[in-house]
């Protein structure tokens, strides 16, 4: 049982890292147009899009990834809280 919860929590953490890398790629010209950037976009954009519709950007600053990462971290904490309730 611990293995299942550990894998789910690890996957959420890896997804958070993927979003962070995707956002940092915007600082480098043409990084998002590379093959790696396109793969990260196909992984990160579906999750970021609802946050972008809710949270307006402040000029050139997009705050939606911060909210998305916060939600992922809360979900990761929720996974462990659920595990503690079950065990």
PDB file of N, CA and C in Angstrom:
ATOM      1  N   UNK A   1       0.837  -1.198   0.000  1.00  0.00           N
ATOM      2  CA  UNK A   1       0.000   0.000   0.000  1.00  0.00           C
ATOM      3  C   UNK A   1       0.876   1.254   0.000  1.00  0.00           C
ATOM      4  N   UNK A   2       1.933   1.210   0.787  1.00  0.00           N
ATOM      5  CA  UNK A   2       2.831   2.354   0.852  1.00  0.00           C
ATOM      6  C   UNK A   2       3.450   2.638  -0.511  1.00  0.00           C
ATOM      7  N   UNK A   3       3.750   1.585  -1.265  1.00  0.00           N
ATOM      8  CA  UNK A   3       4.350   1.746  -2.584  1.00  0.00           C
ATOM      9  C   UNK A   3       3.432   2.525  -3.524  1.00  0.00           C
ATOM     10  N   UNK A   4       2.160   2.234  -3.508  1.00  0.00           N
ATOM     11  CA  UNK A   4       1.204   2.916  -4.382  1.00  0.00           C
ATOM     12  C   UNK A   4       1.157   4.410  -4.058  1.00  0.00           C
ATOM     13  N   UNK A   5       1.030   4.742  -2.791  1.00  0.00           N
ATOM     14  CA  UNK A   5       0.969   6.152  -2.401  1.00  0.00           C
ATOM     15  C   UNK A   5       2.296   6.861  -2.680  1.00  0.00           C
ATOM     16  N   UNK A   6       3.394   6.150  -2.487  1.00  0.00           N
ATOM     17  CA  UNK A   6       4.697   6.730  -2.763  1.00  0.00           C
ATOM     18  C   UNK A   6       4.874   7.025  -4.253  1.00  0.00           C
ATOM     19  N   UNK A   7       4.411   6.119  -5.094  1.00  0.00           N
ATOM     20  CA  UNK A   7       4.511   6.321  -6.549  1.00  0.00           C
ATOM     21  C   UNK A   7       3.646   7.501  -6.983  1.00  0.00           C
ATOM     22  N   UNK A   8       2.437   7.587  -6.469  1.00  0.00           N
ATOM     23  CA  UNK A   8       1.539   8.692  -6.835  1.00  0.00           C
ATOM     24  C   UNK A   8       2.142  10.029  -6.386  1.00  0.00           C
ATOM     25  N   UNK A   9       2.666  10.082  -5.164  1.00  0.00           N
ATOM     26  CA  UNK A   9       3.277  11.313  -4.665  1.00  0.00           C
ATOM     27  C   UNK A   9       4.515  11.675  -5.485  1.00  0.00           C
ATOM     28  N   UNK A  10       5.292  10.686  -5.873  1.00  0.00           N
ATOM     29  CA  UNK A  10       6.481  10.938  -6.689  1.00  0.00           C
ATOM     30  C   UNK A  10       6.096  11.449  -8.074  1.00  0.00           C
ATOM     31  N   UNK A  11       5.053  10.884  -8.650  1.00  0.00           N
ATOM     32  CA  UNK A  11       4.597  11.348  -9.964  1.00  0.00           C
ATOM     33  C   UNK A  11       4.111  12.803  -9.901  1.00  0.00           C
ATOM     34  N   UNK A  12       3.435  13.157  -8.834  1.00  0.00           N
ATOM     35  CA  UNK A  12       3.003  14.551  -8.667  1.00  0.00           C
ATOM     36  C   UNK A  12       4.212  15.483  -8.543  1.00  0.00           C
ATOM     37  N   UNK A  13       5.242  15.023  -7.843  1.00  0.00           N
ATOM     38  CA  UNK A  13       6.458  15.827  -7.703  1.00  0.00           C
ATOM     39  C   UNK A  13       7.172  15.989  -9.046  1.00  0.00           C
ATOM     40  N   UNK A  14       7.269  14.917  -9.805  1.00  0.00           N
ATOM     41  CA  UNK A  14       7.899  14.978 -11.130  1.00  0.00           C
ATOM     42  C   UNK A  14       7.107  15.900 -12.050  1.00  0.00           C
ATOM     43  N   UNK A  15       5.790  15.855 -11.963  1.00  0.00           N
ATOM     44  CA  UNK A  15       4.948  16.735 -12.781  1.00  0.00           C
ATOM     45  C   UNK A  15       5.183  18.199 -12.400  1.00  0.00           C
ATOM     46  N   UNK A  16       5.365  18.468 -11.113  1.00  0.00           N
ATOM     47  CA  UNK A  16       5.692  19.833 -10.670  1.00  0.00           C
ATOM     48  C   UNK A  16       7.016  20.284 -11.277  1.00  0.00           C
ATOM     49  N   UNK A  17       8.002  19.394 -11.271  1.00  0.00           N
ATOM     50  CA  UNK A  17       9.303  19.730 -11.869  1.00  0.00           C
ATOM     51  C   UNK A  17       9.163  19.974 -13.368  1.00  0.00           C
ATOM     52  N   UNK A  18       8.340  19.193 -14.044  1.00  0.00           N
ATOM     53  CA  UNK A  18       8.135  19.387 -15.479  1.00  0.00           C
ATOM     54  C   UNK A  18       7.527  20.757 -15.762  1.00  0.00           C
ATOM     55  N   UNK A  19       6.591  21.182 -14.936  1.00  0.00           N
ATOM     56  CA  UNK A  19       5.988  22.505 -15.114  1.00  0.00           C
ATOM     57  C   UNK A  19       7.014  23.594 -14.863  1.00  0.00           C
ATOM     58  N   UNK A  20       7.830  23.435 -13.829  1.00  0.00           N
ATOM     59  CA  UNK A  20       8.869  24.426 -13.537  1.00  0.00           C
ATOM     60  C   UNK A  20       9.851  24.534 -14.698  1.00  0.00           C
ATOM     61  N   UNK A  21      10.291  23.408 -15.232  1.00  0.00           N
ATOM     62  CA  UNK A  21      11.211  23.427 -16.372  1.00  0.00           C
ATOM     63  C   UNK A  21      10.547  24.080 -17.580  1.00  0.00           C
ATOM     64  N   UNK A  22       9.285  23.769 -17.812  1.00  0.00           N
ATOM     65  CA  UNK A  22       8.560  24.352 -18.940  1.00  0.00           C
ATOM     66  C   UNK A  22       8.470  25.870 -18.810  1.00  0.00           C
ATOM     67  N   UNK A  23       8.204  26.351 -17.608  1.00  0.00           N
ATOM     68  CA  UNK A  23       8.116  27.792 -17.389  1.00  0.00           C
ATOM     69  C   UNK A  23       9.483  28.449 -17.548  1.00  0.00           C
ATOM     70  N   UNK A  24      10.527  27.820 -17.032  1.00  0.00           N
ATOM     71  CA  UNK A  24      11.869  28.388 -17.170  1.00  0.00           C
ATOM     72  C   UNK A  24      12.334  28.420 -18.625  1.00  0.00           C
ATOM     73  N   UNK A  25      11.809  27.520 -19.433  1.00  0.00           N
ATOM     74  CA  UNK A  25      12.176  27.508 -20.852  1.00  0.00           C
ATOM     75  C   UNK A  25      11.709  28.767 -21.571  1.00  0.00           C
ATOM     76  N   UNK A  26      10.738  29.466 -21.009  1.00  0.00           N
ATOM     77  CA  UNK A  26      10.268  30.691 -21.650  1.00  0.00           C
ATOM     78  C   UNK A  26      11.314  31.798 -21.578  1.00  0.00           C
ATOM     79  N   UNK A  27      12.303  31.651 -20.730  1.00  0.00           N
ATOM     80  CA  UNK A  27      13.365  32.657 -20.620  1.00  0.00           C
ATOM     81  C   UNK A  27      14.399  32.551 -21.738  1.00  0.00           C
ATOM     82  N   UNK A  28      14.417  31.414 -22.423  1.00  0.00           N
ATOM     83  CA  UNK A  28      15.406  31.182 -23.463  1.00  0.00           C
ATOM     84  C   UNK A  28      14.743  31.197 -24.831  1.00  0.00           C
ATOM     85  N   UNK A  29      15.317  31.930 -25.774  1.00  0.00           N
ATOM     86  CA  UNK A  29      14.698  32.030 -27.104  1.00  0.00           C
ATOM     87  C   UNK A  29      14.617  30.660 -27.790  1.00  0.00           C
ATOM     88  N   UNK A  30      13.498  30.389 -28.365  1.00  0.00           N
ATOM     89  CA  UNK A  30      13.225  29.178 -29.154  1.00  0.00           C
ATOM     90  C   UNK A  30      13.341  27.876 -28.367  1.00  0.00           C
ATOM     91  N   UNK A  31      13.412  27.942 -27.059  1.00  0.00           N
ATOM     92  CA  UNK A  31      13.514  26.701 -26.278  1.00  0.00           C
ATOM     93  C   UNK A  31      12.203  25.930 -26.309  1.00  0.00           C
ATOM     94  N   UNK A  32      11.095  26.644 -26.284  1.00  0.00           N
ATOM     95  CA  UNK A  32       9.803  25.964 -26.315  1.00  0.00           C
ATOM     96  C   UNK A  32       9.483  25.394 -27.686  1.00  0.00           C
ATOM     97  N   UNK A  33      10.153  25.866 -28.718  1.00  0.00           N
ATOM     98  CA  UNK A  33       9.921  25.350 -30.056  1.00  0.00           C
ATOM     99  C   UNK A  33      10.741  24.098 -30.333  1.00  0.00           C
ATOM    100  N   UNK A  34      11.677  23.754 -29.450  1.00  0.00           N
ATOM    101  CA  UNK A  34      12.471  22.543 -29.635  1.00  0.00           C
ATOM    102  C   UNK A  34      11.591  21.318 -29.401  1.00  0.00           C
ATOM    103  N   UNK A  35      12.099  20.164 -29.740  1.00  0.00           N
ATOM    104  CA  UNK A  35      11.325  18.929 -29.562  1.00  0.00           C
ATOM    105  C   UNK A  35      11.026  18.700 -28.077  1.00  0.00           C
ATOM    106  N   UNK A  36      12.022  18.925 -27.219  1.00  0.00           N
ATOM    107  CA  UNK A  36      11.832  18.774 -25.777  1.00  0.00           C
ATOM    108  C   UNK A  36      10.795  19.769 -25.267  1.00  0.00           C
ATOM    109  N   UNK A  37      10.840  20.993 -25.766  1.00  0.00           N
ATOM    110  CA  UNK A  37       9.864  22.007 -25.379  1.00  0.00           C
ATOM    111  C   UNK A  37       8.452  21.636 -25.800  1.00  0.00           C
ATOM    112  N   UNK A  38       8.322  21.041 -26.967  1.00  0.00           N
ATOM    113  CA  UNK A  38       7.003  20.617 -27.437  1.00  0.00           C
ATOM    114  C   UNK A  38       6.449  19.467 -26.601  1.00  0.00           C
ATOM    115  N   UNK A  39       7.333  18.563 -26.194  1.00  0.00           N
ATOM    116  CA  UNK A  39       6.896  17.459 -25.334  1.00  0.00           C
ATOM    117  C   UNK A  39       6.437  17.999 -23.987  1.00  0.00           C
ATOM    118  N   UNK A  40       7.224  18.909 -23.405  1.00  0.00           N
ATOM    119  CA  UNK A  40       6.828  19.505 -22.129  1.00  0.00           C
ATOM    120  C   UNK A  40       5.539  20.302 -22.268  1.00  0.00           C
ATOM    121  N   UNK A  41       5.368  20.975 -23.390  1.00  0.00           N
ATOM    122  CA  UNK A  41       4.133  21.737 -23.617  1.00  0.00           C
ATOM    123  C   UNK A  41       2.928  20.806 -23.668  1.00  0.00           C
ATOM    124  N   UNK A  42       3.080  19.667 -24.327  1.00  0.00           N
ATOM    125  CA  UNK A  42       1.952  18.734 -24.404  1.00  0.00           C
ATOM    126  C   UNK A  42       1.627  18.128 -23.047  1.00  0.00           C
ATOM    127  N   UNK A  43       2.598  18.106 -22.138  1.00  0.00           N
ATOM    128  CA  UNK A  43       2.377  17.578 -20.799  1.00  0.00           C
ATOM    129  C   UNK A  43       1.850  18.666 -19.863  1.00  0.00           C
ATOM    130  N   UNK A  44       2.422  19.863 -19.930  1.00  0.00           N
ATOM    131  CA  UNK A  44       2.121  20.920 -18.957  1.00  0.00           C
ATOM    132  C   UNK A  44       0.912  21.780 -19.324  1.00  0.00           C
ATOM    133  N   UNK A  45       0.737  22.086 -20.579  1.00  0.00           N
ATOM    134  CA  UNK A  45      -0.317  23.018 -20.984  1.00  0.00           C
ATOM    135  C   UNK A  45      -1.741  22.573 -20.612  1.00  0.00           C
ATOM    136  N   UNK A  46      -2.089  21.302 -20.756  1.00  0.00           N
ATOM    137  CA  UNK A  46      -3.463  20.931 -20.360  1.00  0.00           C
ATOM    138  C   UNK A  46      -3.762  21.209 -18.890  1.00  0.00           C
ATOM    139  N   UNK A  47      -2.756  21.102 -18.033  1.00  0.00           N
ATOM    140  CA  UNK A  47      -2.967  21.386 -16.618  1.00  0.00           C
ATOM    141  C   UNK A  47      -2.928  22.885 -16.336  1.00  0.00           C
ATOM    142  N   UNK A  48      -2.097  23.629 -17.053  1.00  0.00           N
ATOM    143  CA  UNK A  48      -1.957  25.061 -16.817  1.00  0.00           C
ATOM    144  C   UNK A  48      -3.116  25.875 -17.392  1.00  0.00           C
ATOM    145  N   UNK A  49      -3.745  25.390 -18.437  1.00  0.00           N
ATOM    146  CA  UNK A  49      -4.784  26.153 -19.138  1.00  0.00           C
ATOM    147  C   UNK A  49      -5.945  26.578 -18.246  1.00  0.00           C
ATOM    148  N   UNK A  50      -6.514  25.710 -17.416  1.00  0.00           N
ATOM    149  CA  UNK A  50      -7.613  26.173 -16.546  1.00  0.00           C
ATOM    150  C   UNK A  50      -7.172  27.286 -15.584  1.00  0.00           C
ATOM    151  N   UNK A  51      -5.944  27.210 -15.114  1.00  0.00           N
ATOM    152  CA  UNK A  51      -5.441  28.249 -14.217  1.00  0.00           C
ATOM    153  C   UNK A  51      -5.260  29.571 -14.956  1.00  0.00           C
ATOM    154  N   UNK A  52      -4.870  29.494 -16.218  1.00  0.00           N
ATOM    155  CA  UNK A  52      -4.699  30.716 -17.014  1.00  0.00           C
ATOM    156  C   UNK A  52      -6.038  31.387 -17.298  1.00  0.00           C
ATOM    157  N   UNK A  53      -7.102  30.596 -17.397  1.00  0.00           N
ATOM    158  CA  UNK A  53      -8.424  31.186 -17.610  1.00  0.00           C
ATOM    159  C   UNK A  53      -8.925  31.886 -16.354  1.00  0.00           C
ATOM    160  N   UNK A  54      -8.531  31.393 -15.182  1.00  0.00           N
ATOM    161  CA  UNK A  54      -9.014  31.953 -13.917  1.00  0.00           C
ATOM    162  C   UNK A  54      -8.160  33.122 -13.450  1.00  0.00           C
ATOM    163  N   UNK A  55      -6.840  32.969 -13.529  1.00  0.00           N
ATOM    164  CA  UNK A  55      -5.916  33.967 -12.989  1.00  0.00           C
ATOM    165  C   UNK A  55      -5.414  34.848 -14.133  1.00  0.00           C
ATOM    166  N   UNK A  56      -5.700  36.139 -14.091  1.00  0.00           N
ATOM    167  CA  UNK A  56      -5.215  37.014 -15.159  1.00  0.00           C
ATOM    168  C   UNK A  56      -3.710  37.259 -15.020  1.00  0.00           C
ATOM    169  N   UNK A  57      -3.050  37.453 -16.145  1.00  0.00           N
ATOM    170  CA  UNK A  57      -1.623  37.750 -16.099  1.00  0.00           C
ATOM    171  C   UNK A  57      -1.423  39.226 -15.761  1.00  0.00           C
ATOM    172  N   UNK A  58      -0.306  39.507 -15.139  1.00  0.00           N
ATOM    173  CA  UNK A  58       0.054  40.885 -14.795  1.00  0.00           C
ATOM    174  C   UNK A  58       1.055  41.383 -15.826  1.00  0.00           C
ATOM    175  N   UNK A  59       0.544  41.871 -16.922  1.00  0.00           N
ATOM    176  CA  UNK A  59       1.411  42.309 -18.004  1.00  0.00           C
ATOM    177  C   UNK A  59       2.103  41.109 -18.626  1.00  0.00           C
ATOM    178  N   UNK A  60       3.430  41.063 -18.480  1.00  0.00           N
ATOM    179  CA  UNK A  60       4.214  39.959 -19.028  1.00  0.00           C
ATOM    180  C   UNK A  60       4.409  38.824 -18.021  1.00  0.00           C
ATOM    181  N   UNK A  61       3.881  38.976 -16.822  1.00  0.00           N
ATOM    182  CA  UNK A  61       4.083  37.983 -15.774  1.00  0.00           C
ATOM    183  C   UNK A  61       2.840  37.099 -15.658  1.00  0.00           C
ATOM    184  N   UNK A  62       3.050  35.797 -15.806  1.00  0.00           N
ATOM    185  CA  UNK A  62       1.967  34.823 -15.713  1.00  0.00           C
ATOM    186  C   UNK A  62       2.053  34.150 -14.344  1.00  0.00           C
ATOM    187  N   UNK A  63       1.055  34.368 -13.506  1.00  0.00           N
ATOM    188  CA  UNK A  63       1.051  33.813 -12.161  1.00  0.00           C
ATOM    189  C   UNK A  63       0.377  32.447 -12.077  1.00  0.00           C
ATOM    190  N   UNK A  64      -0.221  31.997 -13.152  1.00  0.00           N
ATOM    191  CA  UNK A  64      -0.944  30.733 -13.120  1.00  0.00           C
ATOM    192  C   UNK A  64      -0.057  29.523 -12.797  1.00  0.00           C
ATOM    193  N   UNK A  65       1.210  29.469 -13.235  1.00  0.00           N
ATOM    194  CA  UNK A  65       2.030  28.312 -12.847  1.00  0.00           C
ATOM    195  C   UNK A  65       2.259  28.213 -11.343  1.00  0.00           C
ATOM    196  N   UNK A  66       2.296  29.345 -10.661  1.00  0.00           N
ATOM    197  CA  UNK A  66       2.466  29.325  -9.211  1.00  0.00           C
ATOM    198  C   UNK A  66       1.260  28.642  -8.570  1.00  0.00           C
ATOM    199  N   UNK A  67       0.071  29.009  -9.012  1.00  0.00           N
ATOM    200  CA  UNK A  67      -1.140  28.387  -8.480  1.00  0.00           C
ATOM    201  C   UNK A  67      -1.189  26.905  -8.839  1.00  0.00           C
ATOM    202  N   UNK A  68      -0.776  26.561 -10.052  1.00  0.00           N
ATOM    203  CA  UNK A  68      -0.796  25.160 -10.477  1.00  0.00           C
ATOM    204  C   UNK A  68       0.158  24.317  -9.631  1.00  0.00           C
ATOM    205  N   UNK A  69       1.344  24.830  -9.368  1.00  0.00           N
ATOM    206  CA  UNK A  69       2.307  24.100  -8.550  1.00  0.00           C
ATOM    207  C   UNK A  69       1.813  24.003  -7.116  1.00  0.00           C
ATOM    208  N   UNK A  70       1.171  25.039  -6.629  1.00  0.00           N
ATOM    209  CA  UNK A  70       0.599  24.998  -5.289  1.00  0.00           C
ATOM    210  C   UNK A  70      -0.467  23.908  -5.191  1.00  0.00           C
ATOM    211  N   UNK A  71      -1.316  23.804  -6.201  1.00  0.00           N
ATOM    212  CA  UNK A  71      -2.347  22.766  -6.213  1.00  0.00           C
ATOM    213  C   UNK A  71      -1.709  21.376  -6.259  1.00  0.00           C
ATOM    214  N   UNK A  72      -0.656  21.217  -7.049  1.00  0.00           N
ATOM    215  CA  UNK A  72       0.021  19.924  -7.098  1.00  0.00           C
ATOM    216  C   UNK A  72       0.640  19.564  -5.750  1.00  0.00           C
ATOM    217  N   UNK A  73       1.234  20.552  -5.073  1.00  0.00           N
ATOM    218  CA  UNK A  73       1.810  20.292  -3.756  1.00  0.00           C
ATOM    219  C   UNK A  73       0.730  19.961  -2.732  1.00  0.00           C
ATOM    220  N   UNK A  74      -0.405  20.629  -2.816  1.00  0.00           N
ATOM    221  CA  UNK A  74      -1.518  20.293  -1.924  1.00  0.00           C
ATOM    222  C   UNK A  74      -2.038  18.889  -2.209  1.00  0.00           C
ATOM    223  N   UNK A  75      -2.078  18.514  -3.469  1.00  0.00           N
ATOM    224  CA  UNK A  75      -2.515  17.163  -3.823  1.00  0.00           C
ATOM    225  C   UNK A  75      -1.528  16.124  -3.300  1.00  0.00           C
ATOM    226  N   UNK A  76      -0.258  16.451  -3.374  1.00  0.00           N
ATOM    227  CA  UNK A  76       0.754  15.533  -2.852  1.00  0.00           C
ATOM    228  C   UNK A  76       0.594  15.370  -1.341  1.00  0.00           C
ATOM    229  N   UNK A  77       0.358  16.465  -0.645  1.00  0.00           N
ATOM    230  CA  UNK A  77       0.097  16.383   0.788  1.00  0.00           C
ATOM    231  C   UNK A  77      -1.182  15.627   1.077  1.00  0.00           C
ATOM    232  N   UNK A  78      -2.179  15.780   0.221  1.00  0.00           N
ATOM    233  CA  UNK A  78      -3.431  15.056   0.381  1.00  0.00           C
ATOM    234  C   UNK A  78      -3.263  13.559   0.197  1.00  0.00           C
ATOM    235  N   UNK A  79      -2.368  13.172  -0.696  1.00  0.00           N
ATOM    236  CA  UNK A  79      -2.093  11.748  -0.897  1.00  0.00           C
ATOM    237  C   UNK A  79      -1.545  11.150   0.390  1.00  0.00           C
ATOM    238  N   UNK A  80      -0.604  11.853   1.013  1.00  0.00           N
ATOM    239  CA  UNK A  80      -0.020  11.328   2.253  1.00  0.00           C
ATOM    240  C   UNK A  80      -1.010  11.392   3.410  1.00  0.00           C
ATOM    241  N   UNK A  81      -1.862  12.390   3.431  1.00  0.00           N
ATOM    242  CA  UNK A  81      -2.886  12.454   4.476  1.00  0.00           C
ATOM    243  C   UNK A  81      -3.866  11.289   4.328  1.00  0.00           C
ATOM    244  N   UNK A  82      -4.234  10.976   3.095  1.00  0.00           N
ATOM    245  CA  UNK A  82      -5.107   9.836   2.844  1.00  0.00           C
ATOM    246  C   UNK A  82      -4.433   8.539   3.271  1.00  0.00           C
ATOM    247  N   UNK A  83      -3.156   8.431   2.986  1.00  0.00           N
ATOM    248  CA  UNK A  83      -2.404   7.235   3.394  1.00  0.00           C
ATOM    249  C   UNK A  83      -2.413   7.074   4.912  1.00  0.00           C
ATOM    250  N   UNK A  84      -2.189   8.176   5.620  1.00  0.00           N
ATOM    251  CA  UNK A  84      -2.179   8.119   7.083  1.00  0.00           C
ATOM    252  C   UNK A  84      -3.562   7.767   7.636  1.00  0.00           C
ATOM    253  N   UNK A  85      -4.611   8.196   6.946  1.00  0.00           N
ATOM    254  CA  UNK A  85      -5.968   7.852   7.395  1.00  0.00           C
ATOM    255  C   UNK A  85      -6.258   6.365   7.198  1.00  0.00           C
ATOM    256  N   UNK A  86      -5.748   5.791   6.107  1.00  0.00           N
ATOM    257  CA  UNK A  86      -5.994   4.397   5.802  1.00  0.00           C
ATOM    258  C   UNK A  86      -5.187   3.480   6.724  1.00  0.00           C
ATOM    259  N   UNK A  87      -3.942   3.864   6.959  1.00  0.00           N
ATOM    260  CA  UNK A  87      -3.056   3.004   7.770  1.00  0.00           C
ATOM    261  C   UNK A  87      -3.240   3.298   9.180  1.00  0.00           C
TER     262      UNK A  87
END
